[in-house]
Structures are given as structure tokens and as C-alpha cells.
C-alpha atoms as a PDB file:
ATOM      1  CA  MET A   1      61.240 199.428  15.480  1.00  0.00           C
ATOM      2  CA  GLU A   2      64.668 200.733  14.524  1.00  0.00           C
ATOM      3  CA  LEU A   3      68.084 200.468  16.132  1.00  0.00           C
ATOM      4  CA  ARG A   4      67.959 204.125  17.176  1.00  0.00           C
ATOM      5  CA  HIS A   5      64.865 203.402  19.272  1.00  0.00           C
ATOM      6  CA  LEU A   6      66.866 200.866  21.269  1.00  0.00           C
ATOM      7  CA  ARG A   7      69.844 203.196  21.682  1.00  0.00           C
ATOM      8  CA  TYR A   8      67.570 206.022  22.825  1.00  0.00           C
ATOM      9  CA  PHE A   9      65.784 203.720  25.259  1.00  0.00           C
ATOM     10  CA  VAL A  10      69.051 202.566  26.880  1.00  0.00           C
ATOM     11  CA  VAL A  11      70.252 206.126  27.475  1.00  0.00           C
ATOM     12  CA  VAL A  12      66.885 207.218  28.897  1.00  0.00           C
ATOM     13  CA  ALA A  13      66.794 204.111  31.130  1.00  0.00           C
ATOM     14  CA  GLU A  14      70.295 204.882  32.410  1.00  0.00           C
ATOM     15  CA  GLU A  15      69.652 208.571  33.032  1.00  0.00           C
ATOM     16  CA  LEU A  16      65.986 208.300  34.118  1.00  0.00           C
ATOM     17  CA  ASN A  17      65.698 211.916  33.064  1.00  0.00           C
ATOM     18  CA  LEU A  18      64.644 213.023  29.583  1.00  0.00           C
ATOM     19  CA  THR A  19      66.533 216.315  29.709  1.00  0.00           C
ATOM     20  CA  ARG A  20      69.852 214.697  30.628  1.00  0.00           C
ATOM     21  CA  ALA A  21      69.278 211.853  28.163  1.00  0.00           C
ATOM     22  CA  ALA A  22      68.586 214.335  25.340  1.00  0.00           C
ATOM     23  CA  GLU A  23      71.780 216.226  26.152  1.00  0.00           C
ATOM     24  CA  LYS A  24      73.765 212.992  26.148  1.00  0.00           C
ATOM     25  CA  LEU A  25      72.277 212.009  22.770  1.00  0.00           C
ATOM     26  CA  PHE A  26      72.746 215.533  21.337  1.00  0.00           C
ATOM     27  CA  ILE A  27      69.093 215.843  20.358  1.00  0.00           C
ATOM     28  CA  ALA A  28      66.228 218.007  21.584  1.00  0.00           C
ATOM     29  CA  GLN A  29      63.971 216.681  24.324  1.00  0.00           C
ATOM     30  CA  PRO A  30      60.612 216.736  22.408  1.00  0.00           C
ATOM     31  CA  PRO A  31      61.848 214.406  19.595  1.00  0.00           C
ATOM     32  CA  LEU A  32      63.336 212.052  22.188  1.00  0.00           C
ATOM     33  CA  THR A  33      60.041 211.975  24.083  1.00  0.00           C
ATOM     34  CA  ARG A  34      58.231 211.112  20.839  1.00  0.00           C
ATOM     35  CA  GLN A  35      60.706 208.309  20.044  1.00  0.00           C
ATOM     36  CA  ILE A  36      60.177 206.711  23.469  1.00  0.00           C
ATOM     37  CA  LYS A  37      56.403 207.039  23.114  1.00  0.00           C
ATOM     38  CA  GLN A  38      56.563 205.387  19.674  1.00  0.00           C
ATOM     39  CA  LEU A  39      58.587 202.529  21.158  1.00  0.00           C
ATOM     40  CA  GLU A  40      56.051 202.006  23.932  1.00  0.00           C
ATOM     41  CA  GLU A  41      53.196 202.055  21.411  1.00  0.00           C
ATOM     42  CA  GLU A  42      54.920 199.503  19.197  1.00  0.00           C
ATOM     43  CA  LEU A  43      55.612 197.212  22.136  1.00  0.00           C
ATOM     44  CA  ASP A  44      52.181 197.914  23.616  1.00  0.00           C
ATOM     45  CA  VAL A  45      53.963 198.169  26.979  1.00  0.00           C
ATOM     46  CA  GLN A  46      54.547 201.102  29.316  1.00  0.00           C
ATOM     47  CA  LEU A  47      58.308 201.233  29.863  1.00  0.00           C
ATOM     48  CA  PHE A  48      58.507 204.239  32.175  1.00  0.00           C
ATOM     49  CA  ILE A  49      56.477 205.757  34.965  1.00  0.00           C
ATOM     50  CA  ARG A  50      56.535 209.538  34.643  1.00  0.00           C
ATOM     51  CA  LYS A  51      57.160 211.294  37.948  1.00  0.00           C
ATOM     52  CA  ALA A  52      57.676 214.923  38.930  1.00  0.00           C
ATOM     53  CA  ARG A  53      61.401 214.482  39.465  1.00  0.00           C
ATOM     54  CA  GLY A  54      62.111 212.145  36.596  1.00  0.00           C
ATOM     55  CA  LEU A  55      61.345 208.654  35.340  1.00  0.00           C
ATOM     56  CA  GLU A  56      61.155 205.183  36.815  1.00  0.00           C
ATOM     57  CA  LEU A  57      61.369 201.921  34.880  1.00  0.00           C
ATOM     58  CA  THR A  58      58.334 199.684  35.054  1.00  0.00           C
ATOM     59  CA  GLN A  59      58.818 195.956  35.586  1.00  0.00           C
ATOM     60  CA  GLY A  60      58.383 195.501  31.840  1.00  0.00           C
ATOM     61  CA  GLY A  61      60.909 198.284  31.255  1.00  0.00           C
ATOM     62  CA  GLN A  62      63.469 196.593  33.502  1.00  0.00           C
ATOM     63  CA  TYR A  63      63.078 193.313  31.606  1.00  0.00           C
ATOM     64  CA  PHE A  64      63.285 195.071  28.237  1.00  0.00           C
ATOM     65  CA  LEU A  65      66.469 196.879  29.323  1.00  0.00           C
ATOM     66  CA  GLN A  66      68.164 193.556  30.095  1.00  0.00           C
ATOM     67  CA  GLN A  67      67.210 192.196  26.689  1.00  0.00           C
ATOM     68  CA  VAL A  68      68.313 195.336  24.857  1.00  0.00           C
ATOM     69  CA  HIS A  69      71.693 195.256  26.629  1.00  0.00           C
ATOM     70  CA  SER A  70      72.147 191.688  25.377  1.00  0.00           C
ATOM     71  CA  ILE A  71      71.150 192.715  21.828  1.00  0.00           C
ATOM     72  CA  MET A  72      73.520 195.683  21.828  1.00  0.00           C
ATOM     73  CA  ASP A  73      76.407 193.605  23.202  1.00  0.00           C
ATOM     74  CA  LYS A  74      75.881 191.042  20.465  1.00  0.00           C
ATOM     75  CA  LEU A  75      75.708 193.775  17.837  1.00  0.00           C
ATOM     76  CA  ASP A  76      78.918 195.377  19.120  1.00  0.00           C
ATOM     77  CA  ALA A  77      80.676 192.003  19.103  1.00  0.00           C
ATOM     78  CA  SER A  78      79.480 191.334  15.556  1.00  0.00           C
ATOM     79  CA  ILE A  79      80.697 194.731  14.376  1.00  0.00           C
ATOM     80  CA  GLU A  80      84.096 194.306  16.014  1.00  0.00           C
ATOM     81  CA  GLY A  81      84.475 190.786  14.627  1.00  0.00           C
ATOM     82  CA  THR A  82      83.505 191.973  11.143  1.00  0.00           C
ATOM     83  CA  ARG A  83      86.076 194.760  11.262  1.00  0.00           C
ATOM     84  CA  GLN A  84      88.819 192.390  12.360  1.00  0.00           C
ATOM     85  CA  VAL A  85      87.961 189.897   9.656  1.00  0.00           C
ATOM     86  CA  ALA A  86      87.899 192.663   7.034  1.00  0.00           C
ATOM     87  CA  GLN A  87      91.213 194.084   8.193  1.00  0.00           C
ATOM     88  CA  HIS A  88      93.118 190.862   8.648  1.00  0.00           C
ATOM     89  CA  ARG A  89      91.127 188.367   6.586  1.00  0.00           C
ATOM     90  CA  LYS A  90      91.264 186.071   9.574  1.00  0.00           C
ATOM     91  CA  THR A  91      88.754 184.076  11.575  1.00  0.00           C
ATOM     92  CA  VAL A  92      88.286 185.685  14.978  1.00  0.00           C
ATOM     93  CA  PHE A  93      88.041 183.342  17.972  1.00  0.00           C
ATOM     94  CA  SER A  94      87.458 184.933  21.377  1.00  0.00           C
ATOM     95  CA  ILE A  95      88.261 183.279  24.705  1.00  0.00           C
ATOM     96  CA  GLY A  96      87.040 184.364  28.143  1.00  0.00           C
ATOM     97  CA  PHE A  97      88.954 183.319  31.241  1.00  0.00           C
ATOM     98  CA  VAL A  98      89.349 183.879  34.951  1.00  0.00           C
ATOM     99  CA  PRO A  99      93.008 184.667  35.773  1.00  0.00           C
ATOM    100  CA  SER A 100      93.586 181.642  38.015  1.00  0.00           C
ATOM    101  CA  VAL A 101      93.160 179.210  35.089  1.00  0.00           C
ATOM    102  CA  PHE A 102      95.891 180.952  33.095  1.00  0.00           C
ATOM    103  CA  TYR A 103      98.802 179.650  35.146  1.00  0.00           C
ATOM    104  CA  GLY A 104      98.543 176.089  33.847  1.00  0.00           C
ATOM    105  CA  GLN A 105      98.076 174.666  30.384  1.00  0.00           C
ATOM    106  CA  LEU A 106      95.639 177.199  28.917  1.00  0.00           C
ATOM    107  CA  PRO A 107      98.494 179.381  27.563  1.00  0.00           C
ATOM    108  CA  LEU A 108      99.696 176.306  25.671  1.00  0.00           C
ATOM    109  CA  MET A 109      96.317 176.071  23.953  1.00  0.00           C
ATOM    110  CA  VAL A 110      96.457 179.739  22.992  1.00  0.00           C
ATOM    111  CA  ARG A 111     100.007 179.339  21.709  1.00  0.00           C
ATOM    112  CA  ARG A 112      99.019 176.399  19.518  1.00  0.00           C
ATOM    113  CA  LEU A 113      96.004 178.236  18.152  1.00  0.00           C
ATOM    114  CA  ARG A 114      98.126 181.252  17.298  1.00  0.00           C
ATOM    115  CA  ARG A 115     100.295 179.086  15.051  1.00  0.00           C
ATOM    116  CA  ASN A 116      97.401 179.132  12.591  1.00  0.00           C
ATOM    117  CA  LYS A 117      98.021 182.316  10.607  1.00  0.00           C
ATOM    118  CA  ASN A 118      94.365 182.433   9.582  1.00  0.00           C
ATOM    119  CA  LEU A 119      93.216 182.775  13.188  1.00  0.00           C
ATOM    120  CA  GLU A 120      92.919 185.943  15.260  1.00  0.00           C
ATOM    121  CA  ILE A 121      92.792 184.955  18.955  1.00  0.00           C
ATOM    122  CA  VAL A 122      91.200 187.529  21.260  1.00  0.00           C
ATOM    123  CA  LEU A 123      91.403 187.108  25.059  1.00  0.00           C
ATOM    124  CA  HIS A 124      88.973 188.594  27.579  1.00  0.00           C
ATOM    125  CA  GLU A 125      89.525 188.454  31.345  1.00  0.00           C
ATOM    126  CA  LEU A 126      86.007 187.837  32.679  1.00  0.00           C
ATOM    127  CA  LYS A 127      84.434 186.469  35.840  1.00  0.00           C
ATOM    128  CA  SER A 128      82.419 183.270  35.432  1.00  0.00           C
ATOM    129  CA  GLN A 129      79.019 185.004  35.293  1.00  0.00           C
ATOM    130  CA  GLU A 130      80.416 187.587  32.888  1.00  0.00           C
ATOM    131  CA  GLN A 131      81.537 184.724  30.636  1.00  0.00           C
ATOM    132  CA  ILE A 132      77.990 183.382  30.490  1.00  0.00           C
ATOM    133  CA  ASP A 133      76.669 186.790  29.424  1.00  0.00           C
ATOM    134  CA  ALA A 134      79.525 187.196  26.922  1.00  0.00           C
ATOM    135  CA  LEU A 135      78.793 183.794  25.357  1.00  0.00           C
ATOM    136  CA  LYS A 136      75.137 184.680  24.910  1.00  0.00           C
ATOM    137  CA  SER A 137      75.968 188.059  23.365  1.00  0.00           C
ATOM    138  CA  GLY A 138      78.612 186.584  21.041  1.00  0.00           C
ATOM    139  CA  LYS A 139      81.487 188.490  22.645  1.00  0.00           C
ATOM    140  CA  ILE A 140      83.361 185.227  23.289  1.00  0.00           C
ATOM    141  CA  ASP A 141      83.246 181.745  21.763  1.00  0.00           C
ATOM    142  CA  ILE A 142      84.391 179.748  24.788  1.00  0.00           C
ATOM    143  CA  GLY A 143      84.957 180.542  28.448  1.00  0.00           C
ATOM    144  CA  PHE A 144      87.138 179.025  31.150  1.00  0.00           C
ATOM    145  CA  GLY A 145      86.070 179.501  34.758  1.00  0.00           C
ATOM    146  CA  ARG A 146      85.507 177.712  38.034  1.00  0.00           C
ATOM    147  CA  ILE A 147      81.845 178.271  38.887  1.00  0.00           C
ATOM    148  CA  SER A 148      78.950 176.106  37.734  1.00  0.00           C
ATOM    149  CA  ILE A 149      76.159 178.382  36.502  1.00  0.00           C
ATOM    150  CA  ASP A 150      72.825 177.023  35.302  1.00  0.00           C
ATOM    151  CA  ASP A 151      71.717 178.720  32.083  1.00  0.00           C
ATOM    152  CA  PRO A 152      69.559 177.169  29.348  1.00  0.00           C
ATOM    153  CA  ASP A 153      71.648 178.784  26.595  1.00  0.00           C
ATOM    154  CA  VAL A 154      75.054 177.632  27.850  1.00  0.00           C
ATOM    155  CA  GLU A 155      76.547 174.185  28.389  1.00  0.00           C
ATOM    156  CA  GLN A 156      79.387 173.625  30.815  1.00  0.00           C
ATOM    157  CA  GLU A 157      82.001 170.864  30.910  1.00  0.00           C
ATOM    158  CA  VAL A 158      84.176 170.126  33.932  1.00  0.00           C
ATOM    159  CA  LEU A 159      87.641 169.555  32.455  1.00  0.00           C
ATOM    160  CA  PHE A 160      89.268 168.462  35.732  1.00  0.00           C
ATOM    161  CA  ASN A 161      89.259 169.202  39.449  1.00  0.00           C
ATOM    162  CA  GLU A 162      92.254 171.108  40.752  1.00  0.00           C
ATOM    163  CA  PRO A 163      93.522 171.006  44.355  1.00  0.00           C
ATOM    164  CA  LEU A 164      93.300 174.174  46.428  1.00  0.00           C
ATOM    165  CA  ILE A 165      96.318 175.241  48.444  1.00  0.00           C
ATOM    166  CA  ALA A 166      96.953 177.904  51.081  1.00  0.00           C
ATOM    167  CA  ALA A 167      98.922 181.025  50.230  1.00  0.00           C
ATOM    168  CA  LEU A 168     100.548 182.155  53.491  1.00  0.00           C
ATOM    169  CA  PRO A 169     103.014 184.916  54.389  1.00  0.00           C
ATOM    170  CA  ALA A 170     106.575 183.629  54.110  1.00  0.00           C
ATOM    171  CA  ASP A 171     107.864 182.192  57.396  1.00  0.00           C
ATOM    172  CA  HIS A 172     104.372 182.140  58.910  1.00  0.00           C
ATOM    173  CA  PRO A 173     104.143 179.484  61.685  1.00  0.00           C
ATOM    174  CA  LEU A 174     101.668 177.486  59.566  1.00  0.00           C
ATOM    175  CA  THR A 175     104.311 177.029  56.842  1.00  0.00           C
ATOM    176  CA  ARG A 176     106.319 174.676  59.063  1.00  0.00           C
ATOM    177  CA  GLN A 177     103.931 171.834  58.275  1.00  0.00           C
ATOM    178  CA  GLN A 178     100.807 171.352  56.196  1.00  0.00           C
ATOM    179  CA  PRO A 179      98.067 173.436  57.870  1.00  0.00           C
ATOM    180  CA  SER A 180      94.604 172.059  58.536  1.00  0.00           C
ATOM    181  CA  MET A 181      91.396 173.903  57.707  1.00  0.00           C
ATOM    182  CA  GLN A 182      90.874 174.378  61.460  1.00  0.00           C
ATOM    183  CA  GLN A 183      94.269 176.067  61.771  1.00  0.00           C
ATOM    184  CA  LEU A 184      93.665 178.255  58.717  1.00  0.00           C
ATOM    185  CA  ALA A 185      90.316 179.372  60.129  1.00  0.00           C
ATOM    186  CA  GLU A 186      92.189 181.000  63.001  1.00  0.00           C
ATOM    187  CA  VAL A 187      94.122 183.268  60.582  1.00  0.00           C
ATOM    188  CA  PRO A 188      92.568 186.340  58.891  1.00  0.00           C
ATOM    189  CA  MET A 189      91.552 185.517  55.323  1.00  0.00           C
ATOM    190  CA  VAL A 190      91.893 187.469  52.085  1.00  0.00           C
ATOM    191  CA  THR A 191      89.281 186.527  49.473  1.00  0.00           C
ATOM    192  CA  PHE A 192      88.843 187.300  45.781  1.00  0.00           C
ATOM    193  CA  PRO A 193      87.143 188.401  43.631  1.00  0.00           C
ATOM    194  CA  ALA A 194      85.065 191.155  45.197  1.00  0.00           C
ATOM    195  CA  GLY A 195      81.480 191.730  44.107  1.00  0.00           C
ATOM    196  CA  ALA A 196      78.266 189.777  43.933  1.00  0.00           C
ATOM    197  CA  GLY A 197      78.477 186.018  43.465  1.00  0.00           C
ATOM    198  CA  PRO A 198      78.541 183.360  42.416  1.00  0.00           C
ATOM    199  CA  ASN A 199      82.324 183.550  42.375  1.00  0.00           C
ATOM    200  CA  PHE A 200      85.498 181.924  43.694  1.00  0.00           C
ATOM    201  CA  SER A 201      85.205 183.808  46.980  1.00  0.00           C
ATOM    202  CA  ASP A 202      81.926 181.999  47.672  1.00  0.00           C
ATOM    203  CA  VAL A 203      83.589 178.653  46.939  1.00  0.00           C
ATOM    204  CA  ALA A 204      86.514 179.318  49.290  1.00  0.00           C
ATOM    205  CA  LEU A 205      84.326 180.498  52.147  1.00  0.00           C
ATOM    206  CA  GLY A 206      81.902 177.619  51.619  1.00  0.00           C
ATOM    207  CA  LEU A 207      84.674 175.101  52.280  1.00  0.00           C
ATOM    208  CA  PHE A 208      85.016 176.461  55.819  1.00  0.00           C
ATOM    209  CA  HIS A 209      81.313 176.954  56.468  1.00  0.00           C
ATOM    210  CA  ARG A 210      80.486 173.367  55.491  1.00  0.00           C
ATOM    211  CA  ARG A 211      82.977 172.216  58.116  1.00  0.00           C
ATOM    212  CA  GLY A 212      81.356 174.387  60.757  1.00  0.00           C
ATOM    213  CA  LEU A 213      84.353 176.736  60.805  1.00  0.00           C
ATOM    214  CA  LYS A 214      84.104 180.509  61.064  1.00  0.00           C
ATOM    215  CA  VAL A 215      86.660 182.669  59.294  1.00  0.00           C
ATOM    216  CA  GLN A 216      87.479 186.352  59.580  1.00  0.00           C
ATOM    217  CA  VAL A 217      87.609 187.921  56.124  1.00  0.00           C
ATOM    218  CA  ILE A 218      89.969 190.820  56.608  1.00  0.00           C
ATOM    219  CA  GLN A 219      89.850 191.996  52.994  1.00  0.00           C
ATOM    220  CA  GLN A 220      87.980 191.134  49.793  1.00  0.00           C
ATOM    221  CA  VAL A 221      89.795 192.252  46.658  1.00  0.00           C
ATOM    222  CA  ASN A 222      89.114 192.252  42.946  1.00  0.00           C
ATOM    223  CA  ASP A 223      91.873 189.978  41.689  1.00  0.00           C
ATOM    224  CA  LEU A 224      94.339 187.251  42.553  1.00  0.00           C
ATOM    225  CA  GLN A 225      97.466 189.397  42.227  1.00  0.00           C
ATOM    226  CA  THR A 226      96.169 191.904  44.774  1.00  0.00           C
ATOM    227  CA  ALA A 227      95.225 189.061  47.127  1.00  0.00           C
ATOM    228  CA  LEU A 228      98.777 187.678  46.953  1.00  0.00           C
ATOM    229  CA  SER A 229     100.207 191.156  47.580  1.00  0.00           C
ATOM    230  CA  LEU A 230      98.164 191.379  50.781  1.00  0.00           C
ATOM    231  CA  VAL A 231      99.312 187.903  51.811  1.00  0.00           C
ATOM    232  CA  ALA A 232     102.927 188.973  51.227  1.00  0.00           C
ATOM    233  CA  SER A 233     102.203 191.990  53.447  1.00  0.00           C
ATOM    234  CA  ASP A 234     101.267 189.599  56.287  1.00  0.00           C
ATOM    235  CA  MET A 235      97.586 190.613  56.159  1.00  0.00           C
ATOM    236  CA  GLY A 236      96.398 187.019  56.196  1.00  0.00           C
ATOM    237  CA  PHE A 237      96.125 183.915  54.028  1.00  0.00           C
ATOM    238  CA  ALA A 238      94.235 183.071  50.851  1.00  0.00           C
ATOM    239  CA  LEU A 239      93.005 179.820  49.347  1.00  0.00           C
ATOM    240  CA  VAL A 240      94.185 179.583  45.740  1.00  0.00           C
ATOM    241  CA  PRO A 241      94.178 176.957  42.969  1.00  0.00           C
ATOM    242  CA  GLU A 242      97.285 174.785  42.793  1.00  0.00           C
ATOM    243  CA  GLN A 243      98.391 176.257  39.437  1.00  0.00           C
ATOM    244  CA  VAL A 244      98.982 179.606  41.126  1.00  0.00           C
ATOM    245  CA  LYS A 245     102.093 178.338  42.929  1.00  0.00           C
ATOM    246  CA  LYS A 246     103.939 178.604  39.609  1.00  0.00           C
ATOM    247  CA  LEU A 247     104.037 182.352  40.238  1.00  0.00           C
ATOM    248  CA  ARG A 248     106.707 181.870  42.957  1.00  0.00           C
ATOM    249  CA  ARG A 249     105.583 185.136  44.516  1.00  0.00           C
ATOM    250  CA  GLU A 250     108.179 186.746  46.819  1.00  0.00           C
ATOM    251  CA  GLY A 251     106.956 186.889  50.389  1.00  0.00           C
ATOM    252  CA  VAL A 252     104.388 184.125  49.846  1.00  0.00           C
ATOM    253  CA  ASP A 253     104.669 180.424  50.634  1.00  0.00           C
ATOM    254  CA  PHE A 254     102.217 177.989  49.033  1.00  0.00           C
ATOM    255  CA  MET A 255     101.229 175.086  51.258  1.00  0.00           C
ATOM    256  CA  PRO A 256      99.064 171.999  50.624  1.00  0.00           C
ATOM    257  CA  VAL A 257      96.184 171.662  53.070  1.00  0.00           C
ATOM    258  CA  ALA A 258      96.400 168.734  55.484  1.00  0.00           C
ATOM    259  CA  ASP A 259      92.677 167.912  55.427  1.00  0.00           C
ATOM    260  CA  GLU A 260      91.073 165.637  52.865  1.00  0.00           C
ATOM    261  CA  GLN A 261      91.784 167.008  49.422  1.00  0.00           C
ATOM    262  CA  ILE A 262      89.845 170.162  48.656  1.00  0.00           C
ATOM    263  CA  THR A 263      89.459 170.996  44.995  1.00  0.00           C
ATOM    264  CA  THR A 264      87.975 173.495  42.580  1.00  0.00           C
ATOM    265  CA  PRO A 265      86.839 172.605  39.060  1.00  0.00           C
ATOM    266  CA  VAL A 266      88.152 174.064  35.825  1.00  0.00           C
ATOM    267  CA  ILE A 267      85.070 174.492  33.648  1.00  0.00           C
ATOM    268  CA  ALA A 268      84.748 175.146  29.922  1.00  0.00           C
ATOM    269  CA  SER A 269      81.567 176.967  28.883  1.00  0.00           C
ATOM    270  CA  ARG A 270      80.161 176.971  25.350  1.00  0.00           C
ATOM    271  CA  ARG A 271      76.918 178.048  23.696  1.00  0.00           C
ATOM    272  CA  ARG A 272      74.402 175.219  23.961  1.00  0.00           C
ATOM    273  CA  GLY A 273      73.339 173.451  20.791  1.00  0.00           C
ATOM    274  CA  GLU A 274      75.812 175.239  18.521  1.00  0.00           C
ATOM    275  CA  ASN A 275      77.445 173.031  15.906  1.00  0.00           C
ATOM    276  CA  PRO A 276      81.224 173.360  16.366  1.00  0.00           C
ATOM    277  CA  ASN A 277      82.986 175.023  13.460  1.00  0.00           C
ATOM    278  CA  ALA A 278      86.519 174.104  12.371  1.00  0.00           C
ATOM    279  CA  VAL A 279      88.135 176.335  14.993  1.00  0.00           C
ATOM    280  CA  MET A 280      86.028 174.965  17.831  1.00  0.00           C
ATOM    281  CA  ARG A 281      86.805 171.404  16.741  1.00  0.00           C
ATOM    282  CA  LEU A 282      90.515 172.276  16.867  1.00  0.00           C
ATOM    283  CA  VAL A 283      90.061 173.815  20.324  1.00  0.00           C
ATOM    284  CA  ASN A 284      88.260 170.695  21.537  1.00  0.00           C
ATOM    285  CA  THR A 285      91.041 168.466  20.214  1.00  0.00           C
ATOM    286  CA  ILE A 286      93.730 170.511  21.954  1.00  0.00           C
ATOM    287  CA  LEU A 287      91.709 170.601  25.175  1.00  0.00           C
ATOM    288  CA  THR A 288      91.324 166.812  25.175  1.00  0.00           C
ATOM    289  CA  GLU A 289      95.089 166.438  24.910  1.00  0.00           C
ATOM    290  CA  LEU A 290      95.862 169.024  27.586  1.00  0.00           C
ATOM    291  CA  VAL A 291      93.346 167.548  30.021  1.00  0.00           C
ATOM    292  CA  ALA A 292      94.853 164.083  29.447  1.00  0.00           C
ATOM    293  CA  ASN A 293      98.284 165.528  30.229  1.00  0.00           C
ATOM    294  CA  ARG A 294      96.934 167.064  33.405  1.00  0.00           C
ATOM    295  CA  LEU A 295      95.183 163.919  34.607  1.00  0.00           C
ATOM    296  CA  SER A 296      98.206 161.732  33.869  1.00  0.00           C
ATOM    297  CA  GLY A 297     100.571 164.057  35.717  1.00  0.00           C
ATOM    298  CA  ARG A 298     102.356 165.385  32.615  1.00  0.00           C
ATOM    299  CA  TYR A 299     102.378 169.101  33.325  1.00  0.00           C
ATOM    300  CA  PRO A 300     103.500 171.824  30.921  1.00  0.00           C
END
């Protein structure tokens, strides 16, 4: 099996049509058909069901596609890392993060790492599940998110629990005193991010559902900044991590919630069982200090 077999398979699986796949790969259809047949013979698995109007992935084909995507992502990350090392003669360290963790002390960690002239720090904005996939493919070395995800290849560490606060339109009646969850449930809600879970939107909604409260989600958006823009437009409120109030967004007031403290974790994700290299040991040392600052009330 050669790398080209995998590349051909991915394109055919995406197009589900040999003619279109051949055009996309700039090869003739008969050689492409032979390559796919050779791959199936080597695997001893039928990957596609041939139909009159095209192809359909078998169950084995669907599983193989997931694995090949992971292999190709890891290969791409290795190639990019190799190029950066060759060009800069630096060690590349990649960090994945969800935006809401970047309003606190995480920028301080990045700043301290960048002082090392032998380090190339690469940042990737990724949802929590995307961070898990990126860790497994080698795209990132550590991820910072808020969702606990069970995966045998990844270990997660809760760094601390952060209070959630309400982002409300400026001068909204609920900004006159700390609103309760019951009061917030009567206001339309803006949630983020959009898309399939698990994500922060699920966490925010779950806080109401567990209290037997129904909320009207008026809009689900992709990112925090858009959510705050809608809040400023008087569309509704949003639950956000406490660090976000440092934005001082015009048209938005940030209010603590009157109920018992509601929190969201900040979670560091790493590859399970991997011996930490010198850079990771430095990262862990800085993290320990920053978390201690957070827990003791010494904020950046």
C-alpha cells in the first residue's frame, strides 16, 4: 500500500463518483478504478458499493475513511512542522484553544514561551472536540478547552473552575441587580458555538434544564464575539465565562448570577502516555504558576 492509494481513496470517498474523482485527481478513470481495486484487494475489504448512479461507502469503507483522515492530518502536521524547523531551526510547539480561555492568563503563558528564541509557537483556534482530533493527529501539542471528552488516547486535566456570568444588553432591567437563573430564563438567549456538541452551548443550556427551567434560544452563533454583538443589539442575553468581562464590550453589561455559583472548567488536554519533552515540561511549570495565581486571586 502506498500513500497515493490513500489519497486516491479519500477523493473517491468524498466524490462518490469515479469520473469526478478522476477529474479532480487529473488522471484517467480506468487507472483510478484499478488503484481502488488494488487497495480493496490488499485490505481484503470491500470499500465501496457500486451503484448505477455512483458509489456508496460500505461500513468498512466509512471506518477506513476516518482512519485515513487521521493519518493524512498527522502527515500534513509532520510535513509542516519539518518545514518550520528546517526554515527557522526552531522547535515547533502548537497550542489549540477555545477563544473564551484566551481572555485570562493563557496569553501570559504564550508570551513567556515566546521569550525562548529557539521556540516557534503556533496557535490554533479549535473547538474542544477538534482539539482532541488535532492532538491525535499531531497538529497540536496541547489544547485548552472547557468540555470533558472521554478518549483513550487523550488525558485531560481540570486546571480550575471559572464562574459563569450573564452578558446582558446595557441598561437592561436585569442589570439593576444580580439576576437569578429564573429571571434569565425569561429573556431570549444567544448561545455559542453553533454545530454539533459536545460544546459550550450544551453546558450553558444544561444549567437551565437541570433546574427545570425552559429557555428560548433566539440565535445560535459560531463564536463569542458574534454572540456579544447580538447581546449589544438587544437580541437577548448570553452566559459567558468570567474572563470575558475583560473585553469591556460597548453595549454589554456583565453581571454575576445571583444563584449558587455556576462554573465552567478550564481543561488542558494532552496526548496520553507521552513522555513530556523539555518544552512540555516548561509549559507545565508555567501552567502550575498561572493556576496558583488564579486560585489565590492574583490575576494578570
